[in-house]
Amino acid sequence: VLVSVARARTETSDRICFTITDTGPGLREED
């Protein structure tokens, strides 16, 4: 599991973005 923290800035917003990526079984689109 990898946790990434980044800053996403635009002309109208400033946000903190947390991304949690895993190598698990994944999900079906309907789920």
mmCIF file of all heavy atoms, coordinates in Angstrom:
data_MODEL
# 
_entry.id   MODEL 
# 
loop_
_atom_site.group_PDB 
_atom_site.id 
_atom_site.type_symbol 
_atom_site.label_atom_id 
_atom_site.label_alt_id 
_atom_site.label_comp_id 
_atom_site.label_asym_id 
_atom_site.label_entity_id 
_atom_site.label_seq_id 
_atom_site.pdbx_PDB_ins_code 
_atom_site.Cartn_x 
_atom_site.Cartn_y 
_atom_site.Cartn_z 
_atom_site.occupancy 
_atom_site.B_iso_or_equiv 
_atom_site.pdbx_formal_charge 
_atom_site.auth_seq_id 
_atom_site.auth_comp_id 
_atom_site.auth_asym_id 
_atom_site.auth_atom_id 
_atom_site.pdbx_PDB_model_num 
ATOM 1   N N   . VAL A 1 1  ? 0.857   -1.187 0.000   1.00 0.00 ? 1  VAL A N   1 
ATOM 2   C CA  . VAL A 1 1  ? 0.000   0.000  0.000   1.00 0.00 ? 1  VAL A CA  1 
ATOM 3   C C   . VAL A 1 1  ? 0.890   1.232  0.000   1.00 0.00 ? 1  VAL A C   1 
ATOM 4   O O   . VAL A 1 1  ? 1.811   1.331  0.834   1.00 0.00 ? 1  VAL A O   1 
ATOM 5   C CB  . VAL A 1 1  ? -0.939  0.019  1.224   1.00 0.00 ? 1  VAL A CB  1 
ATOM 6   C CG1 . VAL A 1 1  ? -1.774  1.295  1.235   1.00 0.00 ? 1  VAL A CG1 1 
ATOM 7   C CG2 . VAL A 1 1  ? -1.836  -1.215 1.242   1.00 0.00 ? 1  VAL A CG2 1 
ATOM 8   N N   . LEU A 1 2  ? 0.627   2.166  -0.898  1.00 0.00 ? 2  LEU A N   1 
ATOM 9   C CA  . LEU A 1 2  ? 1.408   3.391  -0.991  1.00 0.00 ? 2  LEU A CA  1 
ATOM 10  C C   . LEU A 1 2  ? 0.494   4.584  -0.728  1.00 0.00 ? 2  LEU A C   1 
ATOM 11  O O   . LEU A 1 2  ? -0.568  4.715  -1.341  1.00 0.00 ? 2  LEU A O   1 
ATOM 12  C CB  . LEU A 1 2  ? 2.048   3.529  -2.375  1.00 0.00 ? 2  LEU A CB  1 
ATOM 13  C CG  . LEU A 1 2  ? 2.818   4.826  -2.636  1.00 0.00 ? 2  LEU A CG  1 
ATOM 14  C CD1 . LEU A 1 2  ? 4.033   4.928  -1.703  1.00 0.00 ? 2  LEU A CD1 1 
ATOM 15  C CD2 . LEU A 1 2  ? 3.263   4.912  -4.098  1.00 0.00 ? 2  LEU A CD2 1 
ATOM 16  N N   . VAL A 1 3  ? 0.926   5.459  0.176   1.00 0.00 ? 3  VAL A N   1 
ATOM 17  C CA  . VAL A 1 3  ? 0.190   6.674  0.504   1.00 0.00 ? 3  VAL A CA  1 
ATOM 18  C C   . VAL A 1 3  ? 0.966   7.863  -0.044  1.00 0.00 ? 3  VAL A C   1 
ATOM 19  O O   . VAL A 1 3  ? 2.149   8.036  0.283   1.00 0.00 ? 3  VAL A O   1 
ATOM 20  C CB  . VAL A 1 3  ? -0.017  6.814  2.024   1.00 0.00 ? 3  VAL A CB  1 
ATOM 21  C CG1 . VAL A 1 3  ? -0.775  8.107  2.337   1.00 0.00 ? 3  VAL A CG1 1 
ATOM 22  C CG2 . VAL A 1 3  ? -0.764  5.611  2.566   1.00 0.00 ? 3  VAL A CG2 1 
ATOM 23  N N   . SER A 1 4  ? 0.321   8.672  -0.859  1.00 0.00 ? 4  SER A N   1 
ATOM 24  C CA  . SER A 1 4  ? 0.960   9.859  -1.432  1.00 0.00 ? 4  SER A CA  1 
ATOM 25  C C   . SER A 1 4  ? 0.179   11.093 -1.009  1.00 0.00 ? 4  SER A C   1 
ATOM 26  O O   . SER A 1 4  ? -1.055  11.091 -1.027  1.00 0.00 ? 4  SER A O   1 
ATOM 27  C CB  . SER A 1 4  ? 0.997   9.778  -2.962  1.00 0.00 ? 4  SER A CB  1 
ATOM 28  O OG  . SER A 1 4  ? 1.680   8.611  -3.383  1.00 0.00 ? 4  SER A OG  1 
ATOM 29  N N   . VAL A 1 5  ? 0.905   12.137 -0.653  1.00 0.00 ? 5  VAL A N   1 
ATOM 30  C CA  . VAL A 1 5  ? 0.292   13.398 -0.245  1.00 0.00 ? 5  VAL A CA  1 
ATOM 31  C C   . VAL A 1 5  ? 0.846   14.495 -1.142  1.00 0.00 ? 5  VAL A C   1 
ATOM 32  O O   . VAL A 1 5  ? 2.065   14.662 -1.241  1.00 0.00 ? 5  VAL A O   1 
ATOM 33  C CB  . VAL A 1 5  ? 0.566   13.723 1.232   1.00 0.00 ? 5  VAL A CB  1 
ATOM 34  C CG1 . VAL A 1 5  ? -0.191  14.983 1.643   1.00 0.00 ? 5  VAL A CG1 1 
ATOM 35  C CG2 . VAL A 1 5  ? 0.185   12.547 2.122   1.00 0.00 ? 5  VAL A CG2 1 
ATOM 36  N N   . ALA A 1 6  ? -0.039  15.232 -1.799  1.00 0.00 ? 6  ALA A N   1 
ATOM 37  C CA  . ALA A 1 6  ? 0.387   16.284 -2.726  1.00 0.00 ? 6  ALA A CA  1 
ATOM 38  C C   . ALA A 1 6  ? -0.510  17.501 -2.542  1.00 0.00 ? 6  ALA A C   1 
ATOM 39  O O   . ALA A 1 6  ? -1.565  17.442 -1.907  1.00 0.00 ? 6  ALA A O   1 
ATOM 40  C CB  . ALA A 1 6  ? 0.343   15.786 -4.166  1.00 0.00 ? 6  ALA A CB  1 
ATOM 41  N N   . ARG A 1 7  ? -0.056  18.607 -3.116  1.00 0.00 ? 7  ARG A N   1 
ATOM 42  C CA  . ARG A 1 7  ? -0.823  19.851 -3.080  1.00 0.00 ? 7  ARG A CA  1 
ATOM 43  C C   . ARG A 1 7  ? -1.329  20.147 -4.484  1.00 0.00 ? 7  ARG A C   1 
ATOM 44  O O   . ARG A 1 7  ? -0.544  20.176 -5.438  1.00 0.00 ? 7  ARG A O   1 
ATOM 45  C CB  . ARG A 1 7  ? 0.052   20.991 -2.574  1.00 0.00 ? 7  ARG A CB  1 
ATOM 46  C CG  . ARG A 1 7  ? -0.691  22.317 -2.372  1.00 0.00 ? 7  ARG A CG  1 
ATOM 47  C CD  . ARG A 1 7  ? 0.239   23.351 -1.776  1.00 0.00 ? 7  ARG A CD  1 
ATOM 48  N NE  . ARG A 1 7  ? -0.482  24.550 -1.343  1.00 0.00 ? 7  ARG A NE  1 
ATOM 49  C CZ  . ARG A 1 7  ? 0.097   25.589 -0.735  1.00 0.00 ? 7  ARG A CZ  1 
ATOM 50  N NH1 . ARG A 1 7  ? 1.407   25.558 -0.476  1.00 0.00 ? 7  ARG A NH1 1 
ATOM 51  N NH2 . ARG A 1 7  ? -0.624  26.638 -0.371  1.00 0.00 ? 7  ARG A NH2 1 
ATOM 52  N N   . ALA A 1 8  ? -2.635  20.350 -4.617  1.00 0.00 ? 8  ALA A N   1 
ATOM 53  C CA  . ALA A 1 8  ? -3.242  20.642 -5.917  1.00 0.00 ? 8  ALA A CA  1 
ATOM 54  C C   . ALA A 1 8  ? -3.746  22.076 -5.903  1.00 0.00 ? 8  ALA A C   1 
ATOM 55  O O   . ALA A 1 8  ? -4.725  22.383 -5.223  1.00 0.00 ? 8  ALA A O   1 
ATOM 56  C CB  . ALA A 1 8  ? -4.383  19.672 -6.195  1.00 0.00 ? 8  ALA A CB  1 
ATOM 57  N N   . ARG A 1 9  ? -3.070  22.936 -6.646  1.00 0.00 ? 9  ARG A N   1 
ATOM 58  C CA  . ARG A 1 9  ? -3.435  24.356 -6.669  1.00 0.00 ? 9  ARG A CA  1 
ATOM 59  C C   . ARG A 1 9  ? -3.879  24.768 -8.062  1.00 0.00 ? 9  ARG A C   1 
ATOM 60  O O   . ARG A 1 9  ? -3.259  24.409 -9.054  1.00 0.00 ? 9  ARG A O   1 
ATOM 61  C CB  . ARG A 1 9  ? -2.258  25.222 -6.224  1.00 0.00 ? 9  ARG A CB  1 
ATOM 62  C CG  . ARG A 1 9  ? -2.089  25.300 -4.725  1.00 0.00 ? 9  ARG A CG  1 
ATOM 63  C CD  . ARG A 1 9  ? -1.072  26.347 -4.327  1.00 0.00 ? 9  ARG A CD  1 
ATOM 64  N NE  . ARG A 1 9  ? 0.282   25.927 -4.611  1.00 0.00 ? 9  ARG A NE  1 
ATOM 65  C CZ  . ARG A 1 9  ? 1.369   26.594 -4.208  1.00 0.00 ? 9  ARG A CZ  1 
ATOM 66  N NH1 . ARG A 1 9  ? 1.225   27.709 -3.520  1.00 0.00 ? 9  ARG A NH1 1 
ATOM 67  N NH2 . ARG A 1 9  ? 2.559   26.160 -4.508  1.00 0.00 ? 9  ARG A NH2 1 
ATOM 68  N N   . THR A 1 10 ? -4.976  25.540 -8.111  1.00 0.00 ? 10 THR A N   1 
ATOM 69  C CA  . THR A 1 10 ? -5.446  26.159 -9.347  1.00 0.00 ? 10 THR A CA  1 
ATOM 70  C C   . THR A 1 10 ? -5.688  27.637 -9.058  1.00 0.00 ? 10 THR A C   1 
ATOM 71  O O   . THR A 1 10 ? -5.418  28.117 -7.947  1.00 0.00 ? 10 THR A O   1 
ATOM 72  C CB  . THR A 1 10 ? -6.746  25.493 -9.840  1.00 0.00 ? 10 THR A CB  1 
ATOM 73  O OG1 . THR A 1 10 ? -7.783  25.729 -8.875  1.00 0.00 ? 10 THR A OG1 1 
ATOM 74  C CG2 . THR A 1 10 ? -6.558  23.995 -10.027 1.00 0.00 ? 10 THR A CG2 1 
ATOM 75  N N   . GLU A 1 11 ? -6.208  28.344 -10.047 1.00 0.00 ? 11 GLU A N   1 
ATOM 76  C CA  . GLU A 1 11 ? -6.475  29.773 -9.852  1.00 0.00 ? 11 GLU A CA  1 
ATOM 77  C C   . GLU A 1 11 ? -7.583  30.013 -8.832  1.00 0.00 ? 11 GLU A C   1 
ATOM 78  O O   . GLU A 1 11 ? -7.639  31.069 -8.210  1.00 0.00 ? 11 GLU A O   1 
ATOM 79  C CB  . GLU A 1 11 ? -6.860  30.410 -11.194 1.00 0.00 ? 11 GLU A CB  1 
ATOM 80  C CG  . GLU A 1 11 ? -5.727  30.409 -12.216 1.00 0.00 ? 11 GLU A CG  1 
ATOM 81  C CD  . GLU A 1 11 ? -6.157  31.062 -13.509 1.00 0.00 ? 11 GLU A CD  1 
ATOM 82  O OE1 . GLU A 1 11 ? -7.349  31.428 -13.608 1.00 0.00 ? 11 GLU A OE1 1 
ATOM 83  O OE2 . GLU A 1 11 ? -5.315  31.212 -14.419 1.00 0.00 ? 11 GLU A OE2 1 
ATOM 84  N N   . THR A 1 12 ? -8.453  29.026 -8.665  1.00 0.00 ? 12 THR A N   1 
ATOM 85  C CA  . THR A 1 12 ? -9.611  29.226 -7.784  1.00 0.00 ? 12 THR A CA  1 
ATOM 86  C C   . THR A 1 12 ? -9.601  28.350 -6.539  1.00 0.00 ? 12 THR A C   1 
ATOM 87  O O   . THR A 1 12 ? -10.463 28.513 -5.676  1.00 0.00 ? 12 THR A O   1 
ATOM 88  C CB  . THR A 1 12 ? -10.910 28.947 -8.561  1.00 0.00 ? 12 THR A CB  1 
ATOM 89  O OG1 . THR A 1 12 ? -10.876 27.599 -9.068  1.00 0.00 ? 12 THR A OG1 1 
ATOM 90  C CG2 . THR A 1 12 ? -11.062 29.924 -9.704  1.00 0.00 ? 12 THR A CG2 1 
ATOM 91  N N   . SER A 1 13 ? -8.676  27.405 -6.421  1.00 0.00 ? 13 SER A N   1 
ATOM 92  C CA  . SER A 1 13 ? -8.696  26.505 -5.266  1.00 0.00 ? 13 SER A CA  1 
ATOM 93  C C   . SER A 1 13 ? -7.291  26.100 -4.867  1.00 0.00 ? 13 SER A C   1 
ATOM 94  O O   . SER A 1 13 ? -6.348  26.161 -5.664  1.00 0.00 ? 13 SER A O   1 
ATOM 95  C CB  . SER A 1 13 ? -9.530  25.249 -5.569  1.00 0.00 ? 13 SER A CB  1 
ATOM 96  O OG  . SER A 1 13 ? -8.906  24.475 -6.583  1.00 0.00 ? 13 SER A OG  1 
ATOM 97  N N   . ASP A 1 14 ? -7.181  25.694 -3.617  1.00 0.00 ? 14 ASP A N   1 
ATOM 98  C CA  . ASP A 1 14 ? -5.928  25.186 -3.065  1.00 0.00 ? 14 ASP A CA  1 
ATOM 99  C C   . ASP A 1 14 ? -6.302  24.025 -2.161  1.00 0.00 ? 14 ASP A C   1 
ATOM 100 O O   . ASP A 1 14 ? -6.975  24.206 -1.142  1.00 0.00 ? 14 ASP A O   1 
ATOM 101 C CB  . ASP A 1 14 ? -5.203  26.283 -2.277  1.00 0.00 ? 14 ASP A CB  1 
ATOM 102 C CG  . ASP A 1 14 ? -3.810  25.849 -1.840  1.00 0.00 ? 14 ASP A CG  1 
ATOM 103 O OD1 . ASP A 1 14 ? -3.394  24.734 -2.204  1.00 0.00 ? 14 ASP A OD1 1 
ATOM 104 O OD2 . ASP A 1 14 ? -3.145  26.621 -1.116  1.00 0.00 ? 14 ASP A OD2 1 
ATOM 105 N N   . ARG A 1 15 ? -5.878  22.804 -2.540  1.00 0.00 ? 15 ARG A N   1 
ATOM 106 C CA  . ARG A 1 15 ? -6.337  21.623 -1.827  1.00 0.00 ? 15 ARG A CA  1 
ATOM 107 C C   . ARG A 1 15 ? -5.181  20.674 -1.552  1.00 0.00 ? 15 ARG A C   1 
ATOM 108 O O   . ARG A 1 15 ? -4.174  20.672 -2.267  1.00 0.00 ? 15 ARG A O   1 
ATOM 109 C CB  . ARG A 1 15 ? -7.434  20.893 -2.623  1.00 0.00 ? 15 ARG A CB  1 
ATOM 110 C CG  . ARG A 1 15 ? -8.608  21.785 -2.981  1.00 0.00 ? 15 ARG A CG  1 
ATOM 111 C CD  . ARG A 1 15 ? -9.592  21.135 -3.922  1.00 0.00 ? 15 ARG A CD  1 
ATOM 112 N NE  . ARG A 1 15 ? -10.451 20.172 -3.253  1.00 0.00 ? 15 ARG A NE  1 
ATOM 113 C CZ  . ARG A 1 15 ? -11.535 20.499 -2.570  1.00 0.00 ? 15 ARG A CZ  1 
ATOM 114 N NH1 . ARG A 1 15 ? -11.875 21.774 -2.450  1.00 0.00 ? 15 ARG A NH1 1 
ATOM 115 N NH2 . ARG A 1 15 ? -12.283 19.594 -1.998  1.00 0.00 ? 15 ARG A NH2 1 
ATOM 116 N N   . ILE A 1 16 ? -5.365  19.867 -0.488  1.00 0.00 ? 16 ILE A N   1 
ATOM 117 C CA  . ILE A 1 16 ? -4.425  18.798 -0.155  1.00 0.00 ? 16 ILE A CA  1 
ATOM 118 C C   . ILE A 1 16 ? -5.032  17.493 -0.625  1.00 0.00 ? 16 ILE A C   1 
ATOM 119 O O   . ILE A 1 16 ? -6.175  17.168 -0.305  1.00 0.00 ? 16 ILE A O   1 
ATOM 120 C CB  . ILE A 1 16 ? -4.149  18.748 1.356   1.00 0.00 ? 16 ILE A CB  1 
ATOM 121 C CG1 . ILE A 1 16 ? -3.582  20.077 1.841   1.00 0.00 ? 16 ILE A CG1 1 
ATOM 122 C CG2 . ILE A 1 16 ? -3.188  17.607 1.675   1.00 0.00 ? 16 ILE A CG2 1 
ATOM 123 C CD1 . ILE A 1 16 ? -2.267  20.461 1.212   1.00 0.00 ? 16 ILE A CD1 1 
ATOM 124 N N   . CYS A 1 17 ? -4.275  16.732 -1.401  1.00 0.00 ? 17 CYS A N   1 
ATOM 125 C CA  . CYS A 1 17 ? -4.764  15.503 -2.020  1.00 0.00 ? 17 CYS A CA  1 
ATOM 126 C C   . CYS A 1 17 ? -4.055  14.295 -1.415  1.00 0.00 ? 17 CYS A C   1 
ATOM 127 O O   . CYS A 1 17 ? -2.821  14.190 -1.488  1.00 0.00 ? 17 CYS A O   1 
ATOM 128 C CB  . CYS A 1 17 ? -4.543  15.557 -3.531  1.00 0.00 ? 17 CYS A CB  1 
ATOM 129 S SG  . CYS A 1 17 ? -5.068  14.076 -4.404  1.00 0.00 ? 17 CYS A SG  1 
ATOM 130 N N   . PHE A 1 18 ? -4.827  13.397 -0.786  1.00 0.00 ? 18 PHE A N   1 
ATOM 131 C CA  . PHE A 1 18 ? -4.303  12.145 -0.239  1.00 0.00 ? 18 PHE A CA  1 
ATOM 132 C C   . PHE A 1 18 ? -4.687  11.019 -1.198  1.00 0.00 ? 18 PHE A C   1 
ATOM 133 O O   . PHE A 1 18 ? -5.867  10.843 -1.516  1.00 0.00 ? 18 PHE A O   1 
ATOM 134 C CB  . PHE A 1 18 ? -4.894  11.853 1.140   1.00 0.00 ? 18 PHE A CB  1 
ATOM 135 C CG  . PHE A 1 18 ? -4.576  12.869 2.192   1.00 0.00 ? 18 PHE A CG  1 
ATOM 136 C CD1 . PHE A 1 18 ? -5.365  14.000 2.347   1.00 0.00 ? 18 PHE A CD1 1 
ATOM 137 C CD2 . PHE A 1 18 ? -3.490  12.700 3.042   1.00 0.00 ? 18 PHE A CD2 1 
ATOM 138 C CE1 . PHE A 1 18 ? -5.080  14.940 3.322   1.00 0.00 ? 18 PHE A CE1 1 
ATOM 139 C CE2 . PHE A 1 18 ? -3.194  13.634 4.019   1.00 0.00 ? 18 PHE A CE2 1 
ATOM 140 C CZ  . PHE A 1 18 ? -3.993  14.758 4.156   1.00 0.00 ? 18 PHE A CZ  1 
ATOM 141 N N   . THR A 1 19 ? -3.692  10.241 -1.636  1.00 0.00 ? 19 THR A N   1 
ATOM 142 C CA  . THR A 1 19 ? -3.935  9.132  -2.556  1.00 0.00 ? 19 THR A CA  1 
ATOM 143 C C   . THR A 1 19 ? -3.454  7.842  -1.914  1.00 0.00 ? 19 THR A C   1 
ATOM 144 O O   . THR A 1 19 ? -2.286  7.742  -1.511  1.00 0.00 ? 19 THR A O   1 
ATOM 145 C CB  . THR A 1 19 ? -3.214  9.351  -3.893  1.00 0.00 ? 19 THR A CB  1 
ATOM 146 O OG1 . THR A 1 19 ? -3.626  10.604 -4.447  1.00 0.00 ? 19 THR A OG1 1 
ATOM 147 C CG2 . THR A 1 19 ? -3.535  8.233  -4.868  1.00 0.00 ? 19 THR A CG2 1 
ATOM 148 N N   . ILE A 1 20 ? -4.340  6.860  -1.795  1.00 0.00 ? 20 ILE A N   1 
ATOM 149 C CA  . ILE A 1 20 ? -4.003  5.556  -1.208  1.00 0.00 ? 20 ILE A CA  1 
ATOM 150 C C   . ILE A 1 20 ? -4.136  4.520  -2.309  1.00 0.00 ? 20 ILE A C   1 
ATOM 151 O O   . ILE A 1 20 ? -5.245  4.237  -2.791  1.00 0.00 ? 20 ILE A O   1 
ATOM 152 C CB  . ILE A 1 20 ? -4.925  5.222  -0.013  1.00 0.00 ? 20 ILE A CB  1 
ATOM 153 C CG1 . ILE A 1 20 ? -4.713  6.220  1.134   1.00 0.00 ? 20 ILE A CG1 1 
ATOM 154 C CG2 . ILE A 1 20 ? -4.654  3.810  0.469   1.00 0.00 ? 20 ILE A CG2 1 
ATOM 155 C CD1 . ILE A 1 20 ? -5.586  7.440  1.070   1.00 0.00 ? 20 ILE A CD1 1 
ATOM 156 N N   . THR A 1 21 ? -3.003  3.962  -2.710  1.00 0.00 ? 21 THR A N   1 
ATOM 157 C CA  . THR A 1 21 ? -2.958  2.988  -3.806  1.00 0.00 ? 21 THR A CA  1 
ATOM 158 C C   . THR A 1 21 ? -2.587  1.626  -3.251  1.00 0.00 ? 21 THR A C   1 
ATOM 159 O O   . THR A 1 21 ? -1.631  1.508  -2.464  1.00 0.00 ? 21 THR A O   1 
ATOM 160 C CB  . THR A 1 21 ? -1.938  3.412  -4.866  1.00 0.00 ? 21 THR A CB  1 
ATOM 161 O OG1 . THR A 1 21 ? -2.223  4.751  -5.291  1.00 0.00 ? 21 THR A OG1 1 
ATOM 162 C CG2 . THR A 1 21 ? -1.978  2.479  -6.061  1.00 0.00 ? 21 THR A CG2 1 
ATOM 163 N N   . ASP A 1 22 ? -3.324  0.593  -3.632  1.00 0.00 ? 22 ASP A N   1 
ATOM 164 C CA  . ASP A 1 22 ? -3.007  -0.765 -3.159  1.00 0.00 ? 22 ASP A CA  1 
ATOM 165 C C   . ASP A 1 22 ? -2.916  -1.712 -4.344  1.00 0.00 ? 22 ASP A C   1 
ATOM 166 O O   . ASP A 1 22 ? -3.313  -1.380 -5.469  1.00 0.00 ? 22 ASP A O   1 
ATOM 167 C CB  . ASP A 1 22 ? -4.063  -1.257 -2.154  1.00 0.00 ? 22 ASP A CB  1 
ATOM 168 C CG  . ASP A 1 22 ? -5.440  -1.412 -2.762  1.00 0.00 ? 22 ASP A CG  1 
ATOM 169 O OD1 . ASP A 1 22 ? -5.598  -2.224 -3.689  1.00 0.00 ? 22 ASP A OD1 1 
ATOM 170 O OD2 . ASP A 1 22 ? -6.383  -0.722 -2.304  1.00 0.00 ? 22 ASP A OD2 1 
ATOM 171 N N   . THR A 1 23 ? -2.394  -2.886 -4.074  1.00 0.00 ? 23 THR A N   1 
ATOM 172 C CA  . THR A 1 23 ? -2.262  -3.935 -5.098  1.00 0.00 ? 23 THR A CA  1 
ATOM 173 C C   . THR A 1 23 ? -3.220  -5.079 -4.792  1.00 0.00 ? 23 THR A C   1 
ATOM 174 O O   . THR A 1 23 ? -2.904  -6.243 -5.044  1.00 0.00 ? 23 THR A O   1 
ATOM 175 C CB  . THR A 1 23 ? -0.817  -4.446 -5.163  1.00 0.00 ? 23 THR A CB  1 
ATOM 176 O OG1 . THR A 1 23 ? -0.437  -4.926 -3.862  1.00 0.00 ? 23 THR A OG1 1 
ATOM 177 C CG2 . THR A 1 23 ? 0.133   -3.338 -5.567  1.00 0.00 ? 23 THR A CG2 1 
ATOM 178 N N   . GLY A 1 24 ? -4.373  -4.735 -4.221  1.00 0.00 ? 24 GLY A N   1 
ATOM 179 C CA  . GLY A 1 24 ? -5.353  -5.746 -3.846  1.00 0.00 ? 24 GLY A CA  1 
ATOM 180 C C   . GLY A 1 24 ? -6.160  -6.258 -5.023  1.00 0.00 ? 24 GLY A C   1 
ATOM 181 O O   . GLY A 1 24 ? -5.790  -6.077 -6.189  1.00 0.00 ? 24 GLY A O   1 
ATOM 182 N N   . PRO A 1 25 ? -7.317  -6.894 -4.733  1.00 0.00 ? 25 PRO A N   1 
ATOM 183 C CA  . PRO A 1 25 ? -8.101  -7.541 -5.795  1.00 0.00 ? 25 PRO A CA  1 
ATOM 184 C C   . PRO A 1 25 ? -8.829  -6.575 -6.713  1.00 0.00 ? 25 PRO A C   1 
ATOM 185 O O   . PRO A 1 25 ? -9.321  -6.982 -7.760  1.00 0.00 ? 25 PRO A O   1 
ATOM 186 C CB  . PRO A 1 25 ? -9.101  -8.397 -5.002  1.00 0.00 ? 25 PRO A CB  1 
ATOM 187 C CG  . PRO A 1 25 ? -9.249  -7.695 -3.696  1.00 0.00 ? 25 PRO A CG  1 
ATOM 188 C CD  . PRO A 1 25 ? -7.907  -7.102 -3.393  1.00 0.00 ? 25 PRO A CD  1 
ATOM 189 N N   . GLY A 1 26 ? -8.936  -5.310 -6.352  1.00 0.00 ? 26 GLY A N   1 
ATOM 190 C CA  . GLY A 1 26 ? -9.640  -4.351 -7.190  1.00 0.00 ? 26 GLY A CA  1 
ATOM 191 C C   . GLY A 1 26 ? -11.149 -4.445 -7.034  1.00 0.00 ? 26 GLY A C   1 
ATOM 192 O O   . GLY A 1 26 ? -11.683 -5.253 -6.268  1.00 0.00 ? 26 GLY A O   1 
ATOM 193 N N   . LEU A 1 27 ? -11.847 -3.605 -7.773  1.00 0.00 ? 27 LEU A N   1 
ATOM 194 C CA  . LEU A 1 27 ? -13.306 -3.510 -7.677  1.00 0.00 ? 27 LEU A CA  1 
ATOM 195 C C   . LEU A 1 27 ? -13.940 -3.587 -9.055  1.00 0.00 ? 27 LEU A C   1 
ATOM 196 O O   . LEU A 1 27 ? -13.354 -3.135 -10.044 1.00 0.00 ? 27 LEU A O   1 
ATOM 197 C CB  . LEU A 1 27 ? -13.713 -2.185 -7.014  1.00 0.00 ? 27 LEU A CB  1 
ATOM 198 C CG  . LEU A 1 27 ? -13.284 -1.950 -5.575  1.00 0.00 ? 27 LEU A CG  1 
ATOM 199 C CD1 . LEU A 1 27 ? -13.538 -0.493 -5.198  1.00 0.00 ? 27 LEU A CD1 1 
ATOM 200 C CD2 . LEU A 1 27 ? -14.028 -2.871 -4.627  1.00 0.00 ? 27 LEU A CD2 1 
ATOM 201 N N   . ARG A 1 28 ? -15.134 -4.141 -9.092  1.00 0.00 ? 28 ARG A N   1 
ATOM 202 C CA  . ARG A 1 28 ? -15.918 -4.073 -10.317 1.00 0.00 ? 28 ARG A CA  1 
ATOM 203 C C   . ARG A 1 28 ? -16.512 -2.671 -10.463 1.00 0.00 ? 28 ARG A C   1 
ATOM 204 O O   . ARG A 1 28 ? -16.703 -1.973 -9.472  1.00 0.00 ? 28 ARG A O   1 
ATOM 205 C CB  . ARG A 1 28 ? -17.040 -5.118 -10.281 1.00 0.00 ? 28 ARG A CB  1 
ATOM 206 C CG  . ARG A 1 28 ? -16.536 -6.553 -10.272 1.00 0.00 ? 28 ARG A CG  1 
ATOM 207 C CD  . ARG A 1 28 ? -17.692 -7.518 -10.127 1.00 0.00 ? 28 ARG A CD  1 
ATOM 208 N NE  . ARG A 1 28 ? -18.406 -7.292 -8.871  1.00 0.00 ? 28 ARG A NE  1 
ATOM 209 C CZ  . ARG A 1 28 ? -19.476 -7.972 -8.496  1.00 0.00 ? 28 ARG A CZ  1 
ATOM 210 N NH1 . ARG A 1 28 ? -19.961 -8.918 -9.286  1.00 0.00 ? 28 ARG A NH1 1 
ATOM 211 N NH2 . ARG A 1 28 ? -20.066 -7.706 -7.340  1.00 0.00 ? 28 ARG A NH2 1 
ATOM 212 N N   . GLU A 1 29 ? -16.813 -2.293 -11.687 1.00 0.00 ? 29 GLU A N   1 
ATOM 213 C CA  . GLU A 1 29 ? -17.305 -0.936 -11.927 1.00 0.00 ? 29 GLU A CA  1 
ATOM 214 C C   . GLU A 1 29 ? -18.602 -0.664 -11.188 1.00 0.00 ? 29 GLU A C   1 
ATOM 215 O O   . GLU A 1 29 ? -18.817 0.433  -10.661 1.00 0.00 ? 29 GLU A O   1 
ATOM 216 C CB  . GLU A 1 29 ? -17.500 -0.726 -13.433 1.00 0.00 ? 29 GLU A CB  1 
ATOM 217 C CG  . GLU A 1 29 ? -17.879 0.700  -13.808 1.00 0.00 ? 29 GLU A CG  1 
ATOM 218 C CD  . GLU A 1 29 ? -17.902 0.917  -15.301 1.00 0.00 ? 29 GLU A CD  1 
ATOM 219 O OE1 . GLU A 1 29 ? -17.500 -0.010 -16.030 1.00 0.00 ? 29 GLU A OE1 1 
ATOM 220 O OE2 . GLU A 1 29 ? -18.332 1.998  -15.728 1.00 0.00 ? 29 GLU A OE2 1 
ATOM 221 N N   . GLU A 1 30 ? -19.497 -1.665 -11.108 1.00 0.00 ? 30 GLU A N   1 
ATOM 222 C CA  . GLU A 1 30 ? -20.775 -1.453 -10.441 1.00 0.00 ? 30 GLU A CA  1 
ATOM 223 C C   . GLU A 1 30 ? -20.640 -1.363 -8.921  1.00 0.00 ? 30 GLU A C   1 
ATOM 224 O O   . GLU A 1 30 ? -21.577 -0.951 -8.231  1.00 0.00 ? 30 GLU A O   1 
ATOM 225 C CB  . GLU A 1 30 ? -21.759 -2.576 -10.798 1.00 0.00 ? 30 GLU A CB  1 
ATOM 226 C CG  . GLU A 1 30 ? -21.287 -3.970 -10.432 1.00 0.00 ? 30 GLU A CG  1 
ATOM 227 C CD  . GLU A 1 30 ? -20.544 -4.650 -11.583 1.00 0.00 ? 30 GLU A CD  1 
ATOM 228 O OE1 . GLU A 1 30 ? -19.997 -3.922 -12.440 1.00 0.00 ? 30 GLU A OE1 1 
ATOM 229 O OE2 . GLU A 1 30 ? -20.518 -5.879 -11.615 1.00 0.00 ? 30 GLU A OE2 1 
ATOM 230 N N   . ASP A 1 31 ? -19.469 -1.747 -8.377  1.00 0.00 ? 31 ASP A N   1 
ATOM 231 C CA  . ASP A 1 31 ? -19.278 -1.698 -6.926  1.00 0.00 ? 31 ASP A CA  1 
ATOM 232 C C   . ASP A 1 31 ? -18.649 -0.394 -6.448  1.00 0.00 ? 31 ASP A C   1 
ATOM 233 O O   . ASP A 1 31 ? -18.620 -0.128 -5.246  1.00 0.00 ? 31 ASP A O   1 
ATOM 234 C CB  . ASP A 1 31 ? -18.385 -2.863 -6.471  1.00 0.00 ? 31 ASP A CB  1 
ATOM 235 C CG  . ASP A 1 31 ? -19.054 -4.216 -6.666  1.00 0.00 ? 31 ASP A CG  1 
ATOM 236 O OD1 . ASP A 1 31 ? -20.300 -4.235 -6.633  1.00 0.00 ? 31 ASP A OD1 1 
ATOM 237 O OD2 . ASP A 1 31 ? -18.350 -5.217 -6.852  1.00 0.00 ? 31 ASP A OD2 1 
# 
